[in-house]
PDB file of N, CA and C in Angstrom:
ATOM      1  N   MET A   1      33.820  -0.941   5.111  1.00  0.00           N
ATOM      2  CA  MET A   1      32.678  -1.263   6.425  1.00  0.00           C
ATOM      3  C   MET A   1      31.118  -2.258   5.283  1.00  0.00           C
ATOM      4  N   ARG A   2      30.964  -3.023   6.182  1.00  0.00           N
ATOM      5  CA  ARG A   2      30.368  -4.099   5.619  1.00  0.00           C
ATOM      6  C   ARG A   2      29.213  -4.016   6.454  1.00  0.00           C
ATOM      7  N   ASN A   3      27.682  -4.715   6.042  1.00  0.00           N
ATOM      8  CA  ASN A   3      26.499  -4.971   6.565  1.00  0.00           C
ATOM      9  C   ASN A   3      25.744  -6.581   6.640  1.00  0.00           C
ATOM     10  N   PHE A   4      26.864  -7.305   6.962  1.00  0.00           N
ATOM     11  CA  PHE A   4      26.338  -8.794   6.527  1.00  0.00           C
ATOM     12  C   PHE A   4      24.623  -9.403   6.881  1.00  0.00           C
ATOM     13  N   SER A   5      24.500  -9.209   7.548  1.00  0.00           N
ATOM     14  CA  SER A   5      22.931  -8.969   8.214  1.00  0.00           C
ATOM     15  C   SER A   5      21.966  -8.861   6.751  1.00  0.00           C
ATOM     16  N   ARG A   6      20.745 -10.406   7.361  1.00  0.00           N
ATOM     17  CA  ARG A   6      20.305 -10.044   6.445  1.00  0.00           C
ATOM     18  C   ARG A   6      18.444 -10.456   7.046  1.00  0.00           C
ATOM     19  N   GLY A   7      18.142  -8.949   6.663  1.00  0.00           N
ATOM     20  CA  GLY A   7      16.568  -9.725   7.939  1.00  0.00           C
ATOM     21  C   GLY A   7      15.614 -10.153   7.036  1.00  0.00           C
ATOM     22  N   LEU A   8      14.543 -10.621   7.579  1.00  0.00           N
ATOM     23  CA  LEU A   8      13.055 -10.744   6.845  1.00  0.00           C
ATOM     24  C   LEU A   8      12.287 -10.584   4.538  1.00  0.00           C
ATOM     25  N   PHE A   9      13.004  -9.599   5.284  1.00  0.00           N
ATOM     26  CA  PHE A   9      11.884  -8.872   4.447  1.00  0.00           C
ATOM     27  C   PHE A   9      12.403  -7.600   4.106  1.00  0.00           C
ATOM     28  N   SER A  10      12.001  -7.061   3.273  1.00  0.00           N
ATOM     29  CA  SER A  10      12.530  -5.336   2.692  1.00  0.00           C
ATOM     30  C   SER A  10      10.915  -4.902   1.800  1.00  0.00           C
ATOM     31  N   SER A  11      10.765  -3.797   2.854  1.00  0.00           N
ATOM     32  CA  SER A  11       9.879  -2.906   2.634  1.00  0.00           C
ATOM     33  C   SER A  11       9.609  -1.968   1.357  1.00  0.00           C
ATOM     34  N   ALA A  12       8.171  -2.249   0.946  1.00  0.00           N
ATOM     35  CA  ALA A  12       7.883  -2.066  -0.303  1.00  0.00           C
ATOM     36  C   ALA A  12       6.291  -1.645   0.184  1.00  0.00           C
ATOM     37  N   SER A  13       6.126  -0.279   0.956  1.00  0.00           N
ATOM     38  CA  SER A  13       5.909   0.638   1.827  1.00  0.00           C
ATOM     39  C   SER A  13       5.360   1.923   1.018  1.00  0.00           C
ATOM     40  N   VAL A  14       4.048   1.933   0.384  1.00  0.00           N
ATOM     41  CA  VAL A  14       3.825   3.585  -0.158  1.00  0.00           C
ATOM     42  C   VAL A  14       2.594   4.377  -0.168  1.00  0.00           C
ATOM     43  N   ARG A  15       2.432   5.453  -0.176  1.00  0.00           N
ATOM     44  CA  ARG A  15       1.401   6.210   0.771  1.00  0.00           C
ATOM     45  C   ARG A  15       0.615   6.020  -0.436  1.00  0.00           C
ATOM     46  N   VAL A  16      -1.002   6.661  -0.215  1.00  0.00           N
ATOM     47  CA  VAL A  16      -1.872   6.700  -1.002  1.00  0.00           C
ATOM     48  C   VAL A  16      -2.844   7.995  -0.700  1.00  0.00           C
ATOM     49  N   ARG A  17      -2.817   8.752  -1.205  1.00  0.00           N
ATOM     50  CA  ARG A  17      -3.135   9.960  -0.345  1.00  0.00           C
ATOM     51  C   ARG A  17      -4.934  10.358  -1.552  1.00  0.00           C
ATOM     52  N   VAL A  18      -5.730  10.235  -0.783  1.00  0.00           N
ATOM     53  CA  VAL A  18      -7.407  11.138  -0.057  1.00  0.00           C
ATOM     54  C   VAL A  18      -8.320  11.484  -0.056  1.00  0.00           C
ATOM     55  N   LYS A  19      -9.252  12.020  -1.546  1.00  0.00           N
ATOM     56  CA  LYS A  19      -9.900  12.998  -0.361  1.00  0.00           C
ATOM     57  C   LYS A  19     -10.795  12.664   1.117  1.00  0.00           C
ATOM     58  N   ALA A  20     -10.987  13.280   1.764  1.00  0.00           N
ATOM     59  CA  ALA A  20     -11.808  13.092   2.871  1.00  0.00           C
ATOM     60  C   ALA A  20     -12.494  12.513   2.847  1.00  0.00           C
ATOM     61  N   ALA A  21     -13.240  13.266   1.917  1.00  0.00           N
ATOM     62  CA  ALA A  21     -14.935  12.663   1.743  1.00  0.00           C
ATOM     63  C   ALA A  21     -15.176  10.731   0.776  1.00  0.00           C
ATOM     64  N   ASP A  22     -13.428   9.930   0.236  1.00  0.00           N
ATOM     65  CA  ASP A  22     -13.670   9.357  -0.016  1.00  0.00           C
ATOM     66  C   ASP A  22     -12.935   8.249   1.561  1.00  0.00           C
ATOM     67  N   LEU A  23     -12.774   8.607   2.797  1.00  0.00           N
ATOM     68  CA  LEU A  23     -11.720   7.739   3.320  1.00  0.00           C
ATOM     69  C   LEU A  23     -12.422   6.678   3.450  1.00  0.00           C
ATOM     70  N   ALA A  24     -13.974   6.182   4.036  1.00  0.00           N
ATOM     71  CA  ALA A  24     -14.008   5.396   4.245  1.00  0.00           C
ATOM     72  C   ALA A  24     -14.299   4.151   2.973  1.00  0.00           C
ATOM     73  N   ARG A  25     -14.633   4.699   2.480  1.00  0.00           N
ATOM     74  CA  ARG A  25     -14.797   3.480   0.671  1.00  0.00           C
ATOM     75  C   ARG A  25     -12.805   3.729   0.125  1.00  0.00           C
ATOM     76  N   THR A  26     -12.174   4.139   0.655  1.00  0.00           N
ATOM     77  CA  THR A  26     -11.434   3.664   0.658  1.00  0.00           C
ATOM     78  C   THR A  26     -10.341   3.133   1.232  1.00  0.00           C
ATOM     79  N   LEU A  27     -10.889   2.596   2.630  1.00  0.00           N
ATOM     80  CA  LEU A  27     -10.554   1.944   3.484  1.00  0.00           C
ATOM     81  C   LEU A  27     -10.912   0.983   3.579  1.00  0.00           C
ATOM     82  N   GLU A  28     -12.086   0.971   2.509  1.00  0.00           N
ATOM     83  CA  GLU A  28     -13.280  -0.302   2.590  1.00  0.00           C
ATOM     84  C   GLU A  28     -12.729  -1.289   0.470  1.00  0.00           C
ATOM     85  N   ALA A  29     -11.609  -0.439   0.529  1.00  0.00           N
ATOM     86  CA  ALA A  29     -11.653  -1.366  -1.410  1.00  0.00           C
ATOM     87  C   ALA A  29     -10.552  -1.800  -0.937  1.00  0.00           C
ATOM     88  N   LEU A  30      -9.492  -1.111  -0.657  1.00  0.00           N
ATOM     89  CA  LEU A  30      -7.326  -1.846   0.953  1.00  0.00           C
ATOM     90  C   LEU A  30      -8.326  -2.542   1.141  1.00  0.00           C
ATOM     91  N   GLU A  31      -8.544  -3.342   2.306  1.00  0.00           N
ATOM     92  CA  GLU A  31      -9.249  -4.034   2.971  1.00  0.00           C
ATOM     93  C   GLU A  31     -10.011  -5.433   1.708  1.00  0.00           C
ATOM     94  N   ALA A  32     -10.619  -5.277   0.838  1.00  0.00           N
ATOM     95  CA  ALA A  32     -11.221  -6.072   0.304  1.00  0.00           C
ATOM     96  C   ALA A  32     -10.507  -6.783  -0.638  1.00  0.00           C
ATOM     97  N   MET A  33      -9.262  -6.542  -0.890  1.00  0.00           N
ATOM     98  CA  MET A  33      -8.323  -6.382  -1.986  1.00  0.00           C
ATOM     99  C   MET A  33      -6.745  -7.102  -1.456  1.00  0.00           C
ATOM    100  N   ARG A  34      -7.209  -6.651  -0.445  1.00  0.00           N
ATOM    101  CA  ARG A  34      -5.675  -7.305   0.748  1.00  0.00           C
ATOM    102  C   ARG A  34      -5.305  -8.856   0.107  1.00  0.00           C
ATOM    103  N   ASP A  35      -5.879  -9.397   0.020  1.00  0.00           N
ATOM    104  CA  ASP A  35      -6.583 -11.490  -0.004  1.00  0.00           C
ATOM    105  C   ASP A  35      -5.766 -11.497  -1.682  1.00  0.00           C
ATOM    106  N   GLU A  36      -6.504 -10.165  -2.661  1.00  0.00           N
ATOM    107  CA  GLU A  36      -6.152  -9.690  -4.121  1.00  0.00           C
ATOM    108  C   GLU A  36      -4.498  -9.920  -4.424  1.00  0.00           C
ATOM    109  N   ALA A  37      -3.890  -9.161  -3.379  1.00  0.00           N
ATOM    110  CA  ALA A  37      -2.844  -8.741  -3.925  1.00  0.00           C
ATOM    111  C   ALA A  37      -1.429 -10.102  -3.321  1.00  0.00           C
ATOM    112  N   LEU A  38      -2.022 -10.564  -2.389  1.00  0.00           N
ATOM    113  CA  LEU A  38      -0.922 -11.491  -1.613  1.00  0.00           C
ATOM    114  C   LEU A  38      -0.924 -12.675  -3.331  1.00  0.00           C
ATOM    115  N   SER A  39      -1.992 -12.624  -4.109  1.00  0.00           N
ATOM    116  CA  SER A  39      -1.974 -13.127  -5.847  1.00  0.00           C
ATOM    117  C   SER A  39      -1.440 -12.813  -6.509  1.00  0.00           C
ATOM    118  N   ALA A  40      -2.114 -12.204  -6.661  1.00  0.00           N
ATOM    119  CA  ALA A  40      -1.447 -11.079  -8.022  1.00  0.00           C
ATOM    120  C   ALA A  40      -0.166 -10.187  -7.835  1.00  0.00           C
ATOM    121  N   LEU A  41       0.917  -9.828  -7.369  1.00  0.00           N
ATOM    122  CA  LEU A  41       1.593  -9.838  -6.336  1.00  0.00           C
ATOM    123  C   LEU A  41       3.277 -10.588  -5.648  1.00  0.00           C
ATOM    124  N   PRO A  42       3.412 -11.410  -6.289  1.00  0.00           N
ATOM    125  CA  PRO A  42       4.054 -12.381  -6.197  1.00  0.00           C
ATOM    126  C   PRO A  42       5.146 -12.385  -4.962  1.00  0.00           C
ATOM    127  N   ASN A  43       5.924 -11.407  -4.632  1.00  0.00           N
ATOM    128  CA  ASN A  43       6.872 -10.673  -4.025  1.00  0.00           C
ATOM    129  C   ASN A  43       5.885 -10.149  -2.512  1.00  0.00           C
ATOM    130  N   LEU A  44       4.575 -10.204  -2.425  1.00  0.00           N
ATOM    131  CA  LEU A  44       4.522  -9.481  -1.433  1.00  0.00           C
ATOM    132  C   LEU A  44       4.008 -10.709  -1.043  1.00  0.00           C
ATOM    133  N   ILE A  45       4.602 -10.941   0.994  1.00  0.00           N
ATOM    134  CA  ILE A  45       4.542 -12.167   1.391  1.00  0.00           C
ATOM    135  C   ILE A  45       3.603 -11.775   2.411  1.00  0.00           C
ATOM    136  N   GLU A  46       3.031 -10.708   2.435  1.00  0.00           N
ATOM    137  CA  GLU A  46       1.656 -11.259   4.017  1.00  0.00           C
ATOM    138  C   GLU A  46       0.912  -9.972   3.774  1.00  0.00           C
ATOM    139  N   PRO A  47       0.106 -10.120   4.017  1.00  0.00           N
ATOM    140  CA  PRO A  47      -1.217  -8.692   3.960  1.00  0.00           C
ATOM    141  C   PRO A  47      -0.917  -7.227   4.664  1.00  0.00           C
ATOM    142  N   TRP A  48      -1.774  -6.294   3.987  1.00  0.00           N
ATOM    143  CA  TRP A  48      -0.760  -5.273   3.923  1.00  0.00           C
ATOM    144  C   TRP A  48      -1.815  -5.114   5.019  1.00  0.00           C
ATOM    145  N   GLN A  49      -1.123  -3.095   5.908  1.00  0.00           N
ATOM    146  CA  GLN A  49      -1.468  -2.783   6.971  1.00  0.00           C
ATOM    147  C   GLN A  49      -1.800  -1.735   6.046  1.00  0.00           C
ATOM    148  N   VAL A  50      -3.103  -1.069   7.094  1.00  0.00           N
ATOM    149  CA  VAL A  50      -3.473   0.327   6.030  1.00  0.00           C
ATOM    150  C   VAL A  50      -3.049   1.323   7.919  1.00  0.00           C
ATOM    151  N   ILE A  51      -2.000   2.223   7.594  1.00  0.00           N
ATOM    152  CA  ILE A  51      -2.524   2.964   8.972  1.00  0.00           C
ATOM    153  C   ILE A  51      -1.771   4.372   8.587  1.00  0.00           C
ATOM    154  N   SER A  52      -2.242   5.551   8.834  1.00  0.00           N
ATOM    155  CA  SER A  52      -2.176   7.417   9.511  1.00  0.00           C
ATOM    156  C   SER A  52      -1.368   7.807   9.824  1.00  0.00           C
ATOM    157  N   GLU A  53       0.312   7.564   9.033  1.00  0.00           N
ATOM    158  CA  GLU A  53       0.987   8.564   9.505  1.00  0.00           C
ATOM    159  C   GLU A  53       1.060   9.002  10.936  1.00  0.00           C
ATOM    160  N   ASP A  54       0.062  10.474  10.353  1.00  0.00           N
ATOM    161  CA  ASP A  54       0.318  12.489  11.520  1.00  0.00           C
ATOM    162  C   ASP A  54      -0.476  12.027  11.976  1.00  0.00           C
ATOM    163  N   GLY A  55      -1.827  10.911  11.073  1.00  0.00           N
ATOM    164  CA  GLY A  55      -3.454  11.099  11.342  1.00  0.00           C
ATOM    165  C   GLY A  55      -3.976  12.485  11.863  1.00  0.00           C
ATOM    166  N   LEU A  56      -3.489  12.837  10.911  1.00  0.00           N
ATOM    167  CA  LEU A  56      -4.172  14.205  10.573  1.00  0.00           C
ATOM    168  C   LEU A  56      -6.137  14.748  10.049  1.00  0.00           C
ATOM    169  N   ILE A  57      -7.164  15.557   9.897  1.00  0.00           N
ATOM    170  CA  ILE A  57      -7.524  15.334   8.571  1.00  0.00           C
ATOM    171  C   ILE A  57      -7.746  16.457   8.506  1.00  0.00           C
ATOM    172  N   GLY A  58      -7.982  16.384   7.177  1.00  0.00           N
ATOM    173  CA  GLY A  58      -8.873  17.770   6.574  1.00  0.00           C
ATOM    174  C   GLY A  58      -8.820  18.162   5.339  1.00  0.00           C
ATOM    175  N   HIS A  59      -9.192  18.088   4.622  1.00  0.00           N
ATOM    176  CA  HIS A  59      -9.425  18.320   3.079  1.00  0.00           C
ATOM    177  C   HIS A  59      -9.353  17.172   1.910  1.00  0.00           C
ATOM    178  N   GLU A  60      -7.708  16.297   2.728  1.00  0.00           N
ATOM    179  CA  GLU A  60      -7.255  14.930   1.986  1.00  0.00           C
ATOM    180  C   GLU A  60      -6.340  14.080   2.885  1.00  0.00           C
ATOM    181  N   THR A  61      -6.090  12.734   2.784  1.00  0.00           N
ATOM    182  CA  THR A  61      -5.912  12.668   3.863  1.00  0.00           C
ATOM    183  C   THR A  61      -4.758  11.672   3.444  1.00  0.00           C
ATOM    184  N   VAL A  62      -3.164  11.453   3.853  1.00  0.00           N
ATOM    185  CA  VAL A  62      -2.672  10.352   3.202  1.00  0.00           C
ATOM    186  C   VAL A  62      -2.186   8.665   4.465  1.00  0.00           C
ATOM    187  N   LEU A  63      -3.168   8.411   3.143  1.00  0.00           N
ATOM    188  CA  LEU A  63      -2.829   6.983   4.047  1.00  0.00           C
ATOM    189  C   LEU A  63      -0.937   6.152   3.304  1.00  0.00           C
ATOM    190  N   LEU A  64      -0.733   5.447   4.421  1.00  0.00           N
ATOM    191  CA  LEU A  64       0.008   4.620   4.448  1.00  0.00           C
ATOM    192  C   LEU A  64       0.389   3.087   4.395  1.00  0.00           C
ATOM    193  N   VAL A  65       0.219   1.941   3.574  1.00  0.00           N
ATOM    194  CA  VAL A  65      -0.247   0.585   2.792  1.00  0.00           C
ATOM    195  C   VAL A  65       1.197   0.882   3.090  1.00  0.00           C
ATOM    196  N   VAL A  66       1.870  -0.418   4.527  1.00  0.00           N
ATOM    197  CA  VAL A  66       2.280  -1.734   4.973  1.00  0.00           C
ATOM    198  C   VAL A  66       2.746  -2.041   4.000  1.00  0.00           C
ATOM    199  N   ALA A  67       3.720  -2.238   3.081  1.00  0.00           N
ATOM    200  CA  ALA A  67       3.603  -3.765   2.753  1.00  0.00           C
ATOM    201  C   ALA A  67       4.655  -3.966   2.939  1.00  0.00           C
ATOM    202  N   LYS A  68       5.268  -5.532   2.705  1.00  0.00           N
ATOM    203  CA  LYS A  68       6.365  -6.141   2.939  1.00  0.00           C
ATOM    204  C   LYS A  68       6.659  -7.082   2.244  1.00  0.00           C
ATOM    205  N   ALA A  69       8.411  -7.826   1.183  1.00  0.00           N
ATOM    206  CA  ALA A  69       8.724  -7.235   1.233  1.00  0.00           C
ATOM    207  C   ALA A  69       9.435  -8.763   0.627  1.00  0.00           C
ATOM    208  N   ARG A  70       9.578 -10.076  -0.424  1.00  0.00           N
ATOM    209  CA  ARG A  70      10.396 -10.618   0.140  1.00  0.00           C
ATOM    210  C   ARG A  70      12.137  -9.571   0.482  1.00  0.00           C
ATOM    211  N   PHE A  71      12.030 -10.238   0.403  1.00  0.00           N
ATOM    212  CA  PHE A  71      13.899 -10.005   1.176  1.00  0.00           C
ATOM    213  C   PHE A  71      14.573  -9.802   0.020  1.00  0.00           C
ATOM    214  N   GLY A  72      14.748  -8.475  -1.111  1.00  0.00           N
ATOM    215  CA  GLY A  72      15.494  -8.065  -1.534  1.00  0.00           C
ATOM    216  C   GLY A  72      14.576  -7.779  -2.851  1.00  0.00           C
ATOM    217  N   ALA A  73      13.205  -7.954  -2.839  1.00  0.00           N
ATOM    218  CA  ALA A  73      12.275  -7.556  -3.831  1.00  0.00           C
ATOM    219  C   ALA A  73      11.452  -6.284  -3.894  1.00  0.00           C
ATOM    220  N   ALA A  74      11.829  -5.313  -2.267  1.00  0.00           N
ATOM    221  CA  ALA A  74      10.907  -4.189  -2.080  1.00  0.00           C
ATOM    222  C   ALA A  74      10.878  -3.390  -3.683  1.00  0.00           C
ATOM    223  N   ALA A  75      12.353  -3.403  -3.922  1.00  0.00           N
ATOM    224  CA  ALA A  75      12.570  -2.712  -5.285  1.00  0.00           C
ATOM    225  C   ALA A  75      11.657  -3.032  -6.401  1.00  0.00           C
ATOM    226  N   THR A  76      11.664  -3.954  -7.283  1.00  0.00           N
ATOM    227  CA  THR A  76      10.620  -3.684  -7.988  1.00  0.00           C
ATOM    228  C   THR A  76       8.936  -4.546  -7.757  1.00  0.00           C
ATOM    229  N   LEU A  77       8.974  -4.502  -6.104  1.00  0.00           N
ATOM    230  CA  LEU A  77       7.520  -4.533  -6.463  1.00  0.00           C
ATOM    231  C   LEU A  77       6.672  -3.676  -5.859  1.00  0.00           C
ATOM    232  N   ARG A  78       6.897  -2.208  -5.393  1.00  0.00           N
ATOM    233  CA  ARG A  78       6.614  -1.657  -5.031  1.00  0.00           C
ATOM    234  C   ARG A  78       6.482  -0.252  -5.854  1.00  0.00           C
ATOM    235  N   PRO A  79       6.786  -0.775  -8.116  1.00  0.00           N
ATOM    236  CA  PRO A  79       5.847  -0.078  -8.510  1.00  0.00           C
ATOM    237  C   PRO A  79       4.146  -0.977  -9.088  1.00  0.00           C
ATOM    238  N   ARG A  80       4.630  -2.478  -8.749  1.00  0.00           N
ATOM    239  CA  ARG A  80       3.717  -3.641  -9.343  1.00  0.00           C
ATOM    240  C   ARG A  80       2.025  -2.659  -8.468  1.00  0.00           C
ATOM    241  N   LEU A  81       3.026  -2.509  -6.859  1.00  0.00           N
ATOM    242  CA  LEU A  81       1.854  -2.332  -6.103  1.00  0.00           C
ATOM    243  C   LEU A  81       0.971  -1.019  -6.696  1.00  0.00           C
ATOM    244  N   LEU A  82       2.287   0.084  -6.604  1.00  0.00           N
ATOM    245  CA  LEU A  82       1.706   0.751  -6.779  1.00  0.00           C
ATOM    246  C   LEU A  82       0.211   1.161  -8.548  1.00  0.00           C
ATOM    247  N   THR A  83       1.520  -0.182  -9.235  1.00  0.00           N
ATOM    248  CA  THR A  83      -0.212   0.021 -10.317  1.00  0.00           C
ATOM    249  C   THR A  83      -1.323  -0.993  -9.913  1.00  0.00           C
ATOM    250  N   PHE A  84      -1.589  -1.955  -9.658  1.00  0.00           N
ATOM    251  CA  PHE A  84      -1.729  -2.254  -8.406  1.00  0.00           C
ATOM    252  C   PHE A  84      -3.427  -2.088  -7.930  1.00  0.00           C
ATOM    253  N   LEU A  85      -2.520  -0.670  -7.097  1.00  0.00           N
ATOM    254  CA  LEU A  85      -3.598  -0.181  -6.205  1.00  0.00           C
ATOM    255  C   LEU A  85      -4.217   0.658  -7.277  1.00  0.00           C
ATOM    256  N   HIS A  86      -4.016   1.419  -7.979  1.00  0.00           N
ATOM    257  CA  HIS A  86      -4.349   2.620  -8.018  1.00  0.00           C
ATOM    258  C   HIS A  86      -5.019   2.048  -9.077  1.00  0.00           C
ATOM    259  N   GLU A  87      -5.626   0.458  -9.752  1.00  0.00           N
ATOM    260  CA  GLU A  87      -6.078  -0.202 -10.566  1.00  0.00           C
ATOM    261  C   GLU A  87      -7.297  -0.661  -9.926  1.00  0.00           C
ATOM    262  N   ARG A  88      -7.054  -1.148  -8.764  1.00  0.00           N
ATOM    263  CA  ARG A  88      -8.331  -1.379  -8.358  1.00  0.00           C
ATOM    264  C   ARG A  88      -9.277  -0.109  -7.930  1.00  0.00           C
ATOM    265  N   LEU A  89      -8.476   0.883  -7.269  1.00  0.00           N
ATOM    266  CA  LEU A  89      -9.381   1.665  -6.512  1.00  0.00           C
ATOM    267  C   LEU A  89      -9.917   2.662  -7.675  1.00  0.00           C
ATOM    268  N   ALA A  90      -9.660   2.294  -9.066  1.00  0.00           N
ATOM    269  CA  ALA A  90     -10.223   3.375  -9.920  1.00  0.00           C
ATOM    270  C   ALA A  90     -11.472   2.396 -10.256  1.00  0.00           C
ATOM    271  N   ASP A  91     -11.211   0.968  -9.986  1.00  0.00           N
ATOM    272  CA  ASP A  91     -12.467   0.328 -10.763  1.00  0.00           C
ATOM    273  C   ASP A  91     -14.325   0.289  -8.934  1.00  0.00           C
ATOM    274  N   ALA A  92     -13.223   0.265  -7.885  1.00  0.00           N
ATOM    275  CA  ALA A  92     -14.057   0.200  -6.618  1.00  0.00           C
ATOM    276  C   ALA A  92     -14.383   2.144  -6.675  1.00  0.00           C
ATOM    277  N   ASP A  93     -14.269   2.785  -8.018  1.00  0.00           N
ATOM    278  CA  ASP A  93     -14.689   4.863  -7.587  1.00  0.00           C
ATOM    279  C   ASP A  93     -13.627   4.993  -6.586  1.00  0.00           C
ATOM    280  N   VAL A  94     -12.636   5.031  -7.417  1.00  0.00           N
ATOM    281  CA  VAL A  94     -12.530   6.055  -5.557  1.00  0.00           C
ATOM    282  C   VAL A  94     -11.371   6.604  -6.883  1.00  0.00           C
ATOM    283  N   ALA A  95     -11.591   8.365  -6.272  1.00  0.00           N
ATOM    284  CA  ALA A  95     -10.217   9.081  -6.236  1.00  0.00           C
ATOM    285  C   ALA A  95      -9.740   9.543  -6.123  1.00  0.00           C
ATOM    286  N   LEU A  96      -8.238   9.189  -6.362  1.00  0.00           N
ATOM    287  CA  LEU A  96      -7.272  10.333  -5.416  1.00  0.00           C
ATOM    288  C   LEU A  96      -7.107  11.731  -5.266  1.00  0.00           C
ATOM    289  N   ALA A  97      -6.624  11.978  -4.614  1.00  0.00           N
ATOM    290  CA  ALA A  97      -5.997  13.494  -3.960  1.00  0.00           C
ATOM    291  C   ALA A  97      -4.830  13.803  -4.694  1.00  0.00           C
ATOM    292  N   GLU A  98      -5.579  14.957  -5.299  1.00  0.00           N
ATOM    293  CA  GLU A  98      -3.996  15.244  -6.451  1.00  0.00           C
ATOM    294  C   GLU A  98      -3.211  16.495  -5.700  1.00  0.00           C
TER     295      GLU A  98
END
């Protein structure tokens, strides 16, 4: 069996786990770096959206950064996106939860 359908994009979404105390600062930082990411990550086709899949809050929160990559480019975009987020969040003084 073969699937010859072709989508318009591939999903390159990543999860970011942050301390609940840093949630507001994390959301502000993610919003501020969206446009920069479009220039820095050529396979990213539109600004990302940030959602909480489970809607739970506790000592930490998992945010999903919903990113769309050019069709077939998600596998190469995802590690670059992770690096980009890690570096920029560190620059914004946001500590990721362990």
